[in-house]
Amino acid sequence: MTFNRRSFGRLAFSIALALAPLSAHAEDAVAKQPVVVFAAASLKNALDAVAKDWTKETGIEVKASYAASSALAKQLEQAAPADIFISADVPWMDYVADKKLIVPESRMDLLGNSLVLVAGPGWTKGDVELKQGVDLAGLLGDGRLAMGEPSSVPAGKYGKAALTKLGVWDAVSPKVAGAENVRAALALVSRGEAPLGIVYKTDAAADPSVKIVGTFPEDSHAPIIYPEAKMLSSKNPNADAFLKRLSSASAKTAFEAAGFTVVAPAVGN
């Protein structure tokens, strides 16, 4: 069969028409590409709320992976796919920054938090004054102190620093039940498997089964800061928009409702 110029033009036009819906579908898929966020476990309730509102408004899904910042940083180092990282402390964000894994200019301190002592449903000894030399080991008796793993999990590191500053770490450390993240430590207390635990104020607020029985002095540990950053490997066109949303007035309301202190300047709604 031979084609003249006119028939070839008709064929090309037909192919273009056939491919147009496929091209439009591909563009739409890119436009709606979910944003993957690696976030500290303590952020779950608040970040889920922010993400839900953003998805409702934009139609773009947020897929959040929650774990200890240490675990997430190690996963990112092994090229785990993520668009945004939010750490519960500065050192683990520094770790991924030193590995050249983030966009430097995207990094920002987003939130602050407080460190508290919580007790489970069976606690009958009242509030604990967290002062120098507090007999926390005596209060625990044969029980365990639940906290994030002190050598790596941010909440555990803050907790160890605070107990060291109060002069009681050596006495308490044999009773520590180190958990893989702060929410796991909270669960030990909530289930009554540990009488006391060290968590963030926001975690205590998220679980009605526990009660705050003491707040650690601010000067007993480093400031609790949650930095955020976009991953250098991210090609997601929606990542910047969600980062901006995290600093918005609506996100601030959600974070503050969960008990966080917002340290980032507000941007937009």
Protein backbone atom coordinates (compact mmCIF):
# COMPACT_ATOMS: atom_id res chain seq x y z
CA MET A 1 0.00 0.00 0.00
CA THR A 2 1.28 3.48 -0.81
CA PHE A 3 0.59 6.66 1.17
CA ASN A 4 0.33 10.09 -0.35
CA ARG A 5 0.99 13.19 1.70
CA ARG A 6 -2.71 13.69 2.47
CA SER A 7 -3.27 10.14 3.75
CA PHE A 8 -0.09 10.31 5.85
CA GLY A 9 -1.34 13.54 7.41
CA ARG A 10 -4.65 11.91 8.28
CA LEU A 11 -2.80 8.98 9.86
CA ALA A 12 -0.60 11.27 11.94
CA PHE A 13 -3.64 13.22 13.08
CA SER A 14 -5.44 10.01 14.09
CA ILE A 15 -2.42 8.85 16.11
CA ALA A 16 -2.23 12.23 17.84
CA LEU A 17 -5.89 12.02 18.77
CA ALA A 18 -5.41 8.51 20.15
CA LEU A 19 -2.42 9.55 22.24
CA ALA A 20 -3.95 12.77 23.58
CA PRO A 21 -6.02 11.09 26.34
CA LEU A 22 -2.96 9.11 27.44
CA SER A 23 -0.89 12.30 27.63
CA ALA A 24 -3.59 14.10 29.57
CA HIS A 25 -3.88 11.16 31.97
CA ALA A 26 -0.12 11.17 32.56
CA GLU A 27 -0.12 14.89 33.26
CA ASP A 28 -3.02 14.50 35.68
CA ALA A 29 -1.18 11.67 37.47
CA VAL A 30 1.84 13.91 37.94
CA ALA A 31 -0.35 16.78 39.14
CA LYS A 32 -1.98 14.51 41.75
CA GLN A 33 1.21 12.70 42.79
CA PRO A 34 0.99 11.86 46.53
CA VAL A 35 3.44 13.58 48.86
CA VAL A 36 5.48 11.10 50.89
CA VAL A 37 6.45 12.41 54.33
CA PHE A 38 8.84 10.71 56.76
CA ALA A 39 7.92 12.13 60.16
CA ALA A 40 8.76 11.59 63.83
CA ALA A 41 6.27 9.28 65.56
CA SER A 42 5.15 12.02 67.95
CA LEU A 43 3.74 14.00 65.02
CA LYS A 44 1.16 11.42 63.97
CA ASN A 45 -2.09 12.91 65.28
CA ALA A 46 -1.32 16.52 64.39
CA LEU A 47 0.24 15.81 61.00
CA ASP A 48 -2.59 13.46 60.06
CA ALA A 49 -5.02 16.31 60.73
CA VAL A 50 -3.03 18.79 58.63
CA ALA A 51 -2.69 16.27 55.81
CA LYS A 52 -6.41 15.42 55.85
CA ASP A 53 -7.39 19.06 55.46
CA TRP A 54 -4.86 19.60 52.67
CA THR A 55 -6.04 16.51 50.78
CA LYS A 56 -9.66 17.58 51.12
CA GLU A 57 -8.76 20.99 49.68
CA THR A 58 -6.37 19.92 46.90
CA GLY A 59 -7.25 16.31 46.12
CA ILE A 60 -3.58 15.39 46.63
CA GLU A 61 -2.89 12.54 49.04
CA VAL A 62 -0.25 12.64 51.76
CA LYS A 63 1.40 9.34 52.61
CA ALA A 64 3.08 9.67 56.00
CA SER A 65 5.51 7.15 57.45
CA TYR A 66 5.93 7.55 61.22
CA ALA A 67 8.85 6.17 63.24
CA ALA A 68 11.74 7.31 65.41
CA SER A 69 13.71 10.06 63.70
CA SER A 70 16.82 7.90 63.98
CA ALA A 71 15.17 5.03 62.07
CA LEU A 72 13.81 7.36 59.41
CA ALA A 73 17.17 9.06 58.91
CA LYS A 74 18.84 5.69 58.41
CA GLN A 75 16.17 4.69 55.90
CA LEU A 76 16.70 7.92 53.99
CA GLU A 77 20.42 7.25 53.96
CA GLN A 78 19.60 3.94 52.25
CA ALA A 79 17.67 5.83 49.53
CA ALA A 80 14.16 5.23 50.88
CA PRO A 81 11.80 7.29 48.69
CA ALA A 82 10.45 10.34 50.49
CA ASP A 83 9.66 13.93 49.59
CA ILE A 84 9.83 15.53 53.05
CA PHE A 85 11.54 14.68 56.34
CA ILE A 86 10.42 16.06 59.71
CA SER A 87 12.71 15.12 62.59
CA ALA A 88 12.01 15.35 66.32
CA ASP A 89 15.45 16.78 66.94
CA VAL A 90 18.14 18.82 65.23
CA PRO A 91 20.94 16.19 65.28
CA TRP A 92 19.09 13.70 63.06
CA MET A 93 18.26 16.45 60.55
CA ASP A 94 21.93 17.42 60.67
CA TYR A 95 22.74 13.77 59.95
CA VAL A 96 20.77 13.67 56.70
CA ALA A 97 22.02 17.16 55.78
CA ASP A 98 25.62 16.03 56.22
CA LYS A 99 24.86 13.15 53.84
CA LYS A 100 23.73 15.74 51.23
CA LEU A 101 20.21 14.30 51.23
CA ILE A 102 18.14 17.47 51.69
CA VAL A 103 17.62 20.74 49.84
CA PRO A 104 19.49 23.09 52.22
CA GLU A 105 17.35 26.16 51.57
CA SER A 106 14.16 24.19 52.32
CA ARG A 107 15.23 23.41 55.88
CA MET A 108 13.29 25.17 58.63
CA ASP A 109 12.60 24.73 62.35
CA LEU A 110 8.87 24.01 62.44
CA LEU A 111 7.77 23.05 65.96
CA GLY A 112 8.71 22.88 69.62
CA ASN A 113 7.58 20.51 72.37
CA SER A 114 7.90 19.77 76.10
CA LEU A 115 9.13 16.67 77.93
CA VAL A 116 6.87 15.14 80.57
CA LEU A 117 6.60 12.22 82.95
CA VAL A 118 3.40 10.21 82.50
CA ALA A 119 1.75 7.55 84.62
CA GLY A 120 -0.63 4.78 83.67
CA PRO A 121 -4.13 3.97 84.91
CA GLY A 122 -2.93 2.22 88.08
CA TRP A 123 -0.71 5.03 89.40
CA THR A 124 -1.64 6.09 92.94
CA LYS A 125 1.41 8.07 94.07
CA GLY A 126 0.32 11.47 92.76
CA ASP A 127 2.41 14.09 91.01
CA VAL A 128 6.20 13.92 90.92
CA GLU A 129 8.30 17.03 91.49
CA LEU A 130 11.10 16.68 88.96
CA LYS A 131 13.84 18.41 90.88
CA GLN A 132 17.49 17.71 91.62
CA GLY A 133 17.90 14.29 93.22
CA VAL A 134 14.26 13.20 92.79
CA ASP A 135 13.92 9.57 93.91
CA LEU A 136 12.46 8.31 90.66
CA ALA A 137 13.98 4.88 91.14
CA GLY A 138 12.24 4.56 94.51
CA LEU A 139 8.92 5.63 93.03
CA LEU A 140 9.25 3.00 90.32
CA GLY A 141 9.83 0.23 92.82
CA ASP A 142 9.98 -2.99 90.82
CA GLY A 143 8.46 -1.28 87.79
CA ARG A 144 10.12 0.01 84.64
CA LEU A 145 10.52 3.50 83.20
CA ALA A 146 9.34 3.53 79.59
CA MET A 147 11.14 5.90 77.24
CA GLY A 148 12.55 6.04 73.76
CA GLU A 149 15.84 4.20 73.32
CA PRO A 150 18.23 6.64 75.06
CA SER A 151 21.10 6.17 72.61
CA SER A 152 19.19 7.03 69.44
CA VAL A 153 15.51 7.98 69.73
CA PRO A 154 15.19 11.77 70.24
CA ALA A 155 12.68 11.52 73.12
CA GLY A 156 14.98 9.01 74.81
CA LYS A 157 18.01 11.24 74.32
CA TYR A 158 16.16 14.21 75.79
CA GLY A 159 14.99 12.02 78.67
CA LYS A 160 18.48 10.74 79.46
CA ALA A 161 19.84 14.30 79.36
CA ALA A 162 17.14 15.50 81.75
CA LEU A 163 17.64 12.66 84.21
CA THR A 164 21.40 13.18 84.06
CA LYS A 165 20.98 16.89 84.78
CA LEU A 166 18.77 16.03 87.76
CA GLY A 167 21.46 13.64 89.01
CA VAL A 168 19.35 10.48 88.88
CA TRP A 169 20.28 8.75 85.62
CA ASP A 170 22.68 6.26 87.21
CA ALA A 171 20.02 5.15 89.68
CA VAL A 172 17.22 4.98 87.13
CA SER A 173 19.01 3.56 84.06
CA PRO A 174 18.78 -0.11 85.19
CA LYS A 175 15.00 0.28 85.27
CA VAL A 176 14.67 1.81 81.80
CA ALA A 177 12.58 0.03 79.17
CA GLY A 178 13.92 1.49 75.93
CA ALA A 179 11.34 1.59 73.13
CA GLU A 180 11.79 1.92 69.38
CA ASN A 181 10.00 5.28 69.36
CA VAL A 182 8.15 7.59 71.72
CA ARG A 183 4.70 6.25 70.82
CA ALA A 184 5.86 2.73 71.67
CA ALA A 185 7.02 4.03 75.08
CA LEU A 186 3.65 5.70 75.56
CA ALA A 187 1.88 2.42 74.76
CA LEU A 188 3.84 0.61 77.49
CA VAL A 189 2.49 3.05 80.07
CA SER A 190 -1.02 3.12 78.60
CA ARG A 191 -1.24 -0.67 78.79
CA GLY A 192 0.05 -0.73 82.36
CA GLU A 193 3.26 -2.56 81.42
CA ALA A 194 5.32 0.29 82.89
CA PRO A 195 4.08 2.54 85.74
CA LEU A 196 5.90 5.63 84.43
CA GLY A 197 7.18 6.88 81.12
CA ILE A 198 8.98 9.84 79.57
CA VAL A 199 7.24 11.23 76.49
CA TYR A 200 6.44 14.52 74.86
CA LYS A 201 3.57 16.64 76.12
CA THR A 202 1.80 16.10 72.79
CA ASP A 203 1.94 12.31 73.17
CA ALA A 204 0.37 12.50 76.61
CA ALA A 205 -2.43 14.63 75.17
CA ALA A 206 -3.08 12.00 72.48
CA ASP A 207 -3.75 9.16 74.94
CA PRO A 208 -6.49 9.57 77.57
CA SER A 209 -5.27 6.45 79.39
CA VAL A 210 -2.21 8.25 80.74
CA LYS A 211 -1.83 11.36 82.86
CA ILE A 212 1.00 13.85 83.20
CA VAL A 213 2.48 13.66 86.70
CA GLY A 214 5.50 15.88 86.11
CA THR A 215 7.10 18.24 83.59
CA PHE A 216 10.86 18.31 83.15
CA PRO A 217 12.49 21.74 83.57
CA GLU A 218 13.31 23.31 80.21
CA ASP A 219 16.93 23.78 81.22
CA SER A 220 17.36 20.07 81.99
CA HIS A 221 17.66 19.16 78.31
CA ALA A 222 18.31 20.72 74.91
CA PRO A 223 15.40 22.62 73.35
CA ILE A 224 12.99 20.20 71.65
CA ILE A 225 12.89 21.36 68.05
CA TYR A 226 11.31 19.68 65.01
CA PRO A 227 13.09 20.72 61.80
CA GLU A 228 11.61 20.00 58.36
CA ALA A 229 13.22 19.78 54.92
CA LYS A 230 12.58 18.65 51.36
CA MET A 231 14.59 15.67 50.18
CA LEU A 232 17.08 16.39 47.39
CA SER A 233 15.93 13.25 45.55
CA SER A 234 12.31 14.40 45.40
CA LYS A 235 10.95 15.21 41.95
CA ASN A 236 7.43 15.63 43.26
CA PRO A 237 5.92 18.95 42.11
CA ASN A 238 3.60 18.92 45.15
CA ALA A 239 6.32 18.67 47.82
CA ASP A 240 6.99 22.41 47.98
CA ALA A 241 3.27 23.15 48.26
CA PHE A 242 2.85 20.80 51.22
CA LEU A 243 5.95 22.22 52.92
CA LYS A 244 4.36 25.64 52.60
CA ARG A 245 1.12 24.27 54.04
CA LEU A 246 2.99 23.02 57.13
CA SER A 247 3.82 26.64 57.95
CA SER A 248 0.35 27.97 57.24
CA ALA A 249 -2.09 29.48 59.72
CA SER A 250 -4.42 26.47 59.42
CA ALA A 251 -1.59 24.05 60.16
CA LYS A 252 -0.54 26.20 63.11
CA THR A 253 -4.03 25.79 64.57
CA ALA A 254 -3.83 22.00 64.25
CA PHE A 255 -0.34 21.79 65.72
CA GLU A 256 -1.19 24.03 68.66
CA ALA A 257 -4.37 22.07 69.32
CA ALA A 258 -2.18 18.99 69.69
CA GLY A 259 0.07 20.79 72.19
CA PHE A 260 2.99 21.78 69.97
CA THR A 261 4.63 25.18 69.99
CA VAL A 262 4.90 26.55 66.44
CA VAL A 263 8.28 28.20 65.90
CA ALA A 264 8.13 28.66 62.11
CA PRO A 265 6.78 31.99 60.81
CA ALA A 266 3.25 31.64 59.43
CA VAL A 267 2.95 31.55 55.63
CA GLY A 268 -0.48 31.89 54.00
CA ASN A 269 -3.64 30.13 55.09
